[in-house]
Amino acid sequence: MNLSYTKTRIKVESFDSNLVTSTSKNIIETIKKTVEGKTKGPIPLPTKKRIYCVLRSPHVDKKSREHFEKKTHVRLLEILIPKNVPNIEDAFVKIETPPGISIKIL
């Protein structure tokens, strides 16, 4: 029996790498239990690093500055779901994510 699948890509982003890996594992487990789909990943994408330069004093000491950086960790999940499965959205709604996680369905 040859089943046809629909491919769904999910992008998980956060400033904390531990949250990203735990959330992506949680998503994979939930999808496998509820929809019985196949998964590929989590595929780590390059970390985005943003550096901010701030003056320490507003009026004097122009050369005295502080640097702050913000890293965004990204994982990509590819899910293959059989076409005959209705209500795929219900499986995504049931997934609980901690605060600080951004999930985008591509």
N, C-alpha and C. Protein backbone atom coordinates (compact mmCIF):
# COMPACT_ATOMS: atom_id res chain seq x y z
N MET A 1 0.85 -1.17 0.00
CA MET A 1 0.00 0.00 0.00
C MET A 1 0.90 1.24 0.00
N ASN A 2 0.68 2.12 -0.93
CA ASN A 2 1.50 3.32 -1.07
C ASN A 2 0.71 4.53 -0.58
N LEU A 3 1.15 5.11 0.52
CA LEU A 3 0.50 6.30 1.07
C LEU A 3 1.18 7.55 0.54
N SER A 4 0.39 8.57 0.27
CA SER A 4 0.97 9.84 -0.11
C SER A 4 1.01 10.75 1.13
N TYR A 5 2.05 11.54 1.23
CA TYR A 5 2.28 12.37 2.39
C TYR A 5 2.29 13.84 2.02
N THR A 6 1.90 14.68 2.97
CA THR A 6 2.07 16.12 2.82
C THR A 6 3.23 16.54 3.72
N LYS A 7 4.06 17.40 3.19
CA LYS A 7 5.24 17.84 3.92
C LYS A 7 4.96 19.16 4.62
N THR A 8 5.25 19.21 5.91
CA THR A 8 5.08 20.42 6.70
C THR A 8 6.40 20.72 7.38
N ARG A 9 6.85 21.96 7.28
CA ARG A 9 8.08 22.37 7.95
C ARG A 9 7.75 23.31 9.10
N ILE A 10 8.40 23.05 10.23
CA ILE A 10 8.19 23.86 11.42
C ILE A 10 9.53 24.43 11.84
N LYS A 11 9.54 25.74 12.10
CA LYS A 11 10.75 26.43 12.53
C LYS A 11 10.56 26.85 13.99
N VAL A 12 11.46 26.39 14.86
CA VAL A 12 11.39 26.68 16.29
C VAL A 12 12.55 27.61 16.64
N GLU A 13 12.24 28.77 17.23
CA GLU A 13 13.27 29.77 17.57
C GLU A 13 13.17 30.15 19.03
N SER A 14 14.33 30.45 19.64
CA SER A 14 14.37 30.94 21.00
C SER A 14 15.77 31.48 21.29
N PHE A 15 15.88 32.24 22.40
CA PHE A 15 17.17 32.73 22.83
C PHE A 15 17.91 31.69 23.66
N ASP A 16 17.22 30.65 24.11
CA ASP A 16 17.81 29.60 24.94
C ASP A 16 17.85 28.31 24.13
N SER A 17 19.03 27.73 23.96
CA SER A 17 19.17 26.53 23.14
C SER A 17 18.52 25.31 23.78
N ASN A 18 18.52 25.25 25.12
CA ASN A 18 17.89 24.11 25.80
C ASN A 18 16.38 24.09 25.58
N LEU A 19 15.77 25.25 25.58
CA LEU A 19 14.33 25.34 25.32
C LEU A 19 13.99 24.88 23.90
N VAL A 20 14.85 25.24 22.96
CA VAL A 20 14.60 24.88 21.56
C VAL A 20 14.66 23.37 21.38
N THR A 21 15.67 22.72 21.96
CA THR A 21 15.79 21.28 21.79
C THR A 21 14.68 20.52 22.51
N SER A 22 14.32 20.96 23.72
CA SER A 22 13.25 20.27 24.45
C SER A 22 11.89 20.45 23.76
N THR A 23 11.64 21.65 23.24
CA THR A 23 10.37 21.90 22.55
C THR A 23 10.29 21.11 21.24
N SER A 24 11.39 21.04 20.50
CA SER A 24 11.37 20.29 19.25
C SER A 24 11.16 18.79 19.50
N LYS A 25 11.76 18.25 20.58
CA LYS A 25 11.52 16.85 20.93
C LYS A 25 10.06 16.63 21.34
N ASN A 26 9.49 17.59 22.06
CA ASN A 26 8.10 17.51 22.47
C ASN A 26 7.17 17.52 21.25
N ILE A 27 7.47 18.36 20.28
CA ILE A 27 6.66 18.42 19.05
C ILE A 27 6.74 17.10 18.30
N ILE A 28 7.93 16.52 18.20
CA ILE A 28 8.10 15.26 17.47
C ILE A 28 7.33 14.13 18.15
N GLU A 29 7.41 14.05 19.48
CA GLU A 29 6.68 13.01 20.21
C GLU A 29 5.17 13.16 20.05
N THR A 30 4.69 14.39 20.12
CA THR A 30 3.25 14.62 20.00
C THR A 30 2.75 14.27 18.60
N ILE A 31 3.50 14.63 17.58
CA ILE A 31 3.09 14.33 16.21
C ILE A 31 3.09 12.83 15.97
N LYS A 32 4.10 12.13 16.48
CA LYS A 32 4.15 10.68 16.28
C LYS A 32 3.00 9.97 16.99
N LYS A 33 2.59 10.48 18.16
CA LYS A 33 1.49 9.84 18.91
C LYS A 33 0.13 10.11 18.27
N THR A 34 -0.13 11.37 17.94
CA THR A 34 -1.48 11.73 17.50
C THR A 34 -1.73 11.49 16.02
N VAL A 35 -0.80 11.87 15.18
CA VAL A 35 -1.05 11.82 13.74
C VAL A 35 -0.37 10.62 13.09
N GLU A 36 0.59 10.01 13.77
CA GLU A 36 1.37 8.90 13.25
C GLU A 36 2.10 9.28 11.97
N GLY A 37 2.75 10.44 12.00
CA GLY A 37 3.51 10.90 10.85
C GLY A 37 4.99 10.63 11.03
N LYS A 38 5.72 10.76 9.95
CA LYS A 38 7.18 10.60 9.98
C LYS A 38 7.83 11.97 10.18
N THR A 39 8.97 11.99 10.86
CA THR A 39 9.64 13.26 11.10
C THR A 39 11.10 13.18 10.70
N LYS A 40 11.63 14.31 10.29
CA LYS A 40 13.05 14.48 10.03
C LYS A 40 13.51 15.65 10.87
N GLY A 41 14.56 15.46 11.62
CA GLY A 41 15.06 16.57 12.41
C GLY A 41 15.09 16.23 13.87
N PRO A 42 15.35 17.15 14.71
CA PRO A 42 15.51 18.59 14.48
C PRO A 42 16.83 18.91 13.79
N ILE A 43 16.76 19.73 12.77
CA ILE A 43 17.93 20.16 12.01
C ILE A 43 18.37 21.51 12.56
N PRO A 44 19.58 21.59 13.14
CA PRO A 44 20.02 22.89 13.67
C PRO A 44 20.42 23.83 12.54
N LEU A 45 19.83 25.00 12.53
CA LEU A 45 20.19 26.04 11.57
C LEU A 45 21.22 26.97 12.22
N PRO A 46 21.93 27.76 11.45
CA PRO A 46 22.95 28.65 12.04
C PRO A 46 22.35 29.60 13.07
N THR A 47 23.11 29.82 14.15
CA THR A 47 22.69 30.72 15.22
C THR A 47 22.87 32.16 14.77
N LYS A 48 21.83 32.96 14.93
CA LYS A 48 21.91 34.38 14.57
C LYS A 48 22.44 35.14 15.78
N LYS A 49 23.46 35.94 15.56
CA LYS A 49 24.08 36.68 16.66
C LYS A 49 23.96 38.17 16.37
N ARG A 50 23.31 38.88 17.27
CA ARG A 50 23.10 40.32 17.12
C ARG A 50 23.85 41.03 18.24
N ILE A 51 24.74 41.97 17.89
CA ILE A 51 25.54 42.69 18.87
C ILE A 51 25.08 44.15 18.91
N TYR A 52 24.84 44.63 20.14
CA TYR A 52 24.44 46.02 20.36
C TYR A 52 25.58 46.74 21.06
N CYS A 53 25.88 47.95 20.61
CA CYS A 53 26.92 48.78 21.23
C CYS A 53 26.23 49.98 21.89
N VAL A 54 26.49 50.16 23.18
CA VAL A 54 25.82 51.20 23.95
C VAL A 54 26.87 52.06 24.65
N LEU A 55 26.68 53.39 24.61
CA LEU A 55 27.58 54.29 25.35
C LEU A 55 27.32 54.14 26.85
N ARG A 56 28.38 54.10 27.63
CA ARG A 56 28.22 53.97 29.08
C ARG A 56 27.75 55.27 29.72
N SER A 57 28.20 56.37 29.18
CA SER A 57 27.82 57.68 29.71
C SER A 57 27.16 58.47 28.60
N PRO A 58 26.08 59.18 28.88
CA PRO A 58 25.38 59.88 27.82
C PRO A 58 26.10 61.13 27.29
N HIS A 59 26.98 61.77 28.11
CA HIS A 59 27.55 63.05 27.69
C HIS A 59 29.07 63.01 27.50
N VAL A 60 29.77 62.32 28.36
CA VAL A 60 31.24 62.31 28.29
C VAL A 60 31.73 60.88 28.07
N ASP A 61 33.02 60.74 27.88
CA ASP A 61 33.66 59.44 27.67
C ASP A 61 33.06 58.70 26.48
N LYS A 62 33.23 59.30 25.32
CA LYS A 62 32.70 58.73 24.10
C LYS A 62 33.33 57.36 23.80
N LYS A 63 34.57 57.16 24.25
CA LYS A 63 35.25 55.90 23.95
C LYS A 63 34.83 54.76 24.88
N SER A 64 34.16 55.07 25.96
CA SER A 64 33.75 54.04 26.91
C SER A 64 32.39 53.48 26.48
N ARG A 65 32.40 52.24 26.03
CA ARG A 65 31.18 51.62 25.51
C ARG A 65 31.02 50.22 26.07
N GLU A 66 29.76 49.74 26.04
CA GLU A 66 29.45 48.36 26.43
C GLU A 66 28.87 47.64 25.22
N HIS A 67 29.20 46.36 25.12
CA HIS A 67 28.67 45.55 24.03
C HIS A 67 27.79 44.45 24.62
N PHE A 68 26.60 44.29 24.04
CA PHE A 68 25.67 43.25 24.44
C PHE A 68 25.35 42.42 23.21
N GLU A 69 25.20 41.12 23.40
CA GLU A 69 24.85 40.27 22.27
C GLU A 69 23.63 39.42 22.60
N LYS A 70 22.89 39.15 21.55
CA LYS A 70 21.68 38.35 21.66
C LYS A 70 21.76 37.24 20.61
N LYS A 71 21.74 36.00 21.05
CA LYS A 71 21.82 34.87 20.12
C LYS A 71 20.44 34.23 19.96
N THR A 72 20.09 33.94 18.72
CA THR A 72 18.83 33.28 18.42
C THR A 72 19.13 31.89 17.88
N HIS A 73 18.70 30.86 18.61
CA HIS A 73 18.92 29.47 18.22
C HIS A 73 17.70 29.00 17.44
N VAL A 74 17.95 28.29 16.33
CA VAL A 74 16.87 27.88 15.43
C VAL A 74 17.00 26.39 15.12
N ARG A 75 15.87 25.69 15.14
CA ARG A 75 15.81 24.29 14.72
C ARG A 75 14.69 24.15 13.69
N LEU A 76 14.92 23.29 12.71
CA LEU A 76 13.94 23.05 11.66
C LEU A 76 13.45 21.61 11.76
N LEU A 77 12.14 21.43 11.78
CA LEU A 77 11.53 20.11 11.81
C LEU A 77 10.76 19.90 10.52
N GLU A 78 10.93 18.74 9.92
CA GLU A 78 10.19 18.41 8.71
C GLU A 78 9.29 17.22 9.03
N ILE A 79 8.00 17.40 8.87
CA ILE A 79 7.03 16.38 9.24
C ILE A 79 6.29 15.91 8.00
N LEU A 80 6.25 14.60 7.81
CA LEU A 80 5.50 14.01 6.70
C LEU A 80 4.24 13.38 7.29
N ILE A 81 3.09 13.91 6.90
CA ILE A 81 1.81 13.47 7.44
C ILE A 81 0.99 12.84 6.31
N PRO A 82 0.39 11.67 6.56
CA PRO A 82 -0.45 11.06 5.51
C PRO A 82 -1.61 11.98 5.12
N LYS A 83 -1.92 11.99 3.83
CA LYS A 83 -2.97 12.89 3.33
C LYS A 83 -4.36 12.52 3.82
N ASN A 84 -4.58 11.27 4.19
CA ASN A 84 -5.91 10.86 4.60
C ASN A 84 -6.23 11.23 6.05
N VAL A 85 -5.29 11.86 6.77
CA VAL A 85 -5.51 12.24 8.18
C VAL A 85 -6.19 13.60 8.23
N PRO A 86 -7.42 13.67 8.78
CA PRO A 86 -8.07 14.96 8.93
C PRO A 86 -7.63 15.63 10.23
N ASN A 87 -7.89 16.91 10.35
CA ASN A 87 -7.66 17.68 11.57
C ASN A 87 -6.22 17.63 12.07
N ILE A 88 -5.29 17.99 11.23
CA ILE A 88 -3.89 18.06 11.63
C ILE A 88 -3.69 19.23 12.59
N GLU A 89 -4.49 20.26 12.45
CA GLU A 89 -4.36 21.45 13.28
C GLU A 89 -4.59 21.13 14.75
N ASP A 90 -5.44 20.16 15.04
CA ASP A 90 -5.72 19.79 16.44
C ASP A 90 -4.46 19.27 17.13
N ALA A 91 -3.61 18.56 16.39
CA ALA A 91 -2.38 18.04 16.98
C ALA A 91 -1.43 19.18 17.34
N PHE A 92 -1.39 20.23 16.52
CA PHE A 92 -0.52 21.37 16.81
C PHE A 92 -1.04 22.21 17.96
N VAL A 93 -2.36 22.26 18.13
CA VAL A 93 -2.94 23.05 19.21
C VAL A 93 -2.68 22.38 20.56
N LYS A 94 -2.62 21.05 20.60
CA LYS A 94 -2.42 20.33 21.85
C LYS A 94 -1.01 20.48 22.41
N ILE A 95 -0.06 20.89 21.59
CA ILE A 95 1.33 20.99 22.03
C ILE A 95 1.49 22.21 22.93
N GLU A 96 2.00 21.98 24.14
CA GLU A 96 2.25 23.06 25.07
C GLU A 96 3.70 23.51 24.93
N THR A 97 3.88 24.81 24.76
CA THR A 97 5.24 25.34 24.62
C THR A 97 5.53 26.31 25.77
N PRO A 98 6.77 26.31 26.25
CA PRO A 98 7.13 27.25 27.31
C PRO A 98 7.23 28.67 26.76
N PRO A 99 7.15 29.67 27.64
CA PRO A 99 7.31 31.05 27.15
C PRO A 99 8.72 31.28 26.63
N GLY A 100 8.82 32.11 25.62
CA GLY A 100 10.11 32.41 25.03
C GLY A 100 10.40 31.60 23.78
N ILE A 101 9.43 30.80 23.33
CA ILE A 101 9.59 29.98 22.14
C ILE A 101 8.72 30.53 21.02
N SER A 102 9.30 30.64 19.83
CA SER A 102 8.55 31.08 18.66
C SER A 102 8.46 29.91 17.70
N ILE A 103 7.24 29.53 17.32
CA ILE A 103 7.02 28.42 16.39
C ILE A 103 6.36 28.97 15.13
N LYS A 104 6.99 28.70 14.00
CA LYS A 104 6.45 29.13 12.71
C LYS A 104 6.24 27.90 11.83
N ILE A 105 5.07 27.80 11.23
CA ILE A 105 4.79 26.72 10.30
C ILE A 105 5.02 27.26 8.90
N LEU A 106 5.96 26.64 8.19
CA LEU A 106 6.33 27.12 6.85
C LEU A 106 5.59 26.34 5.78
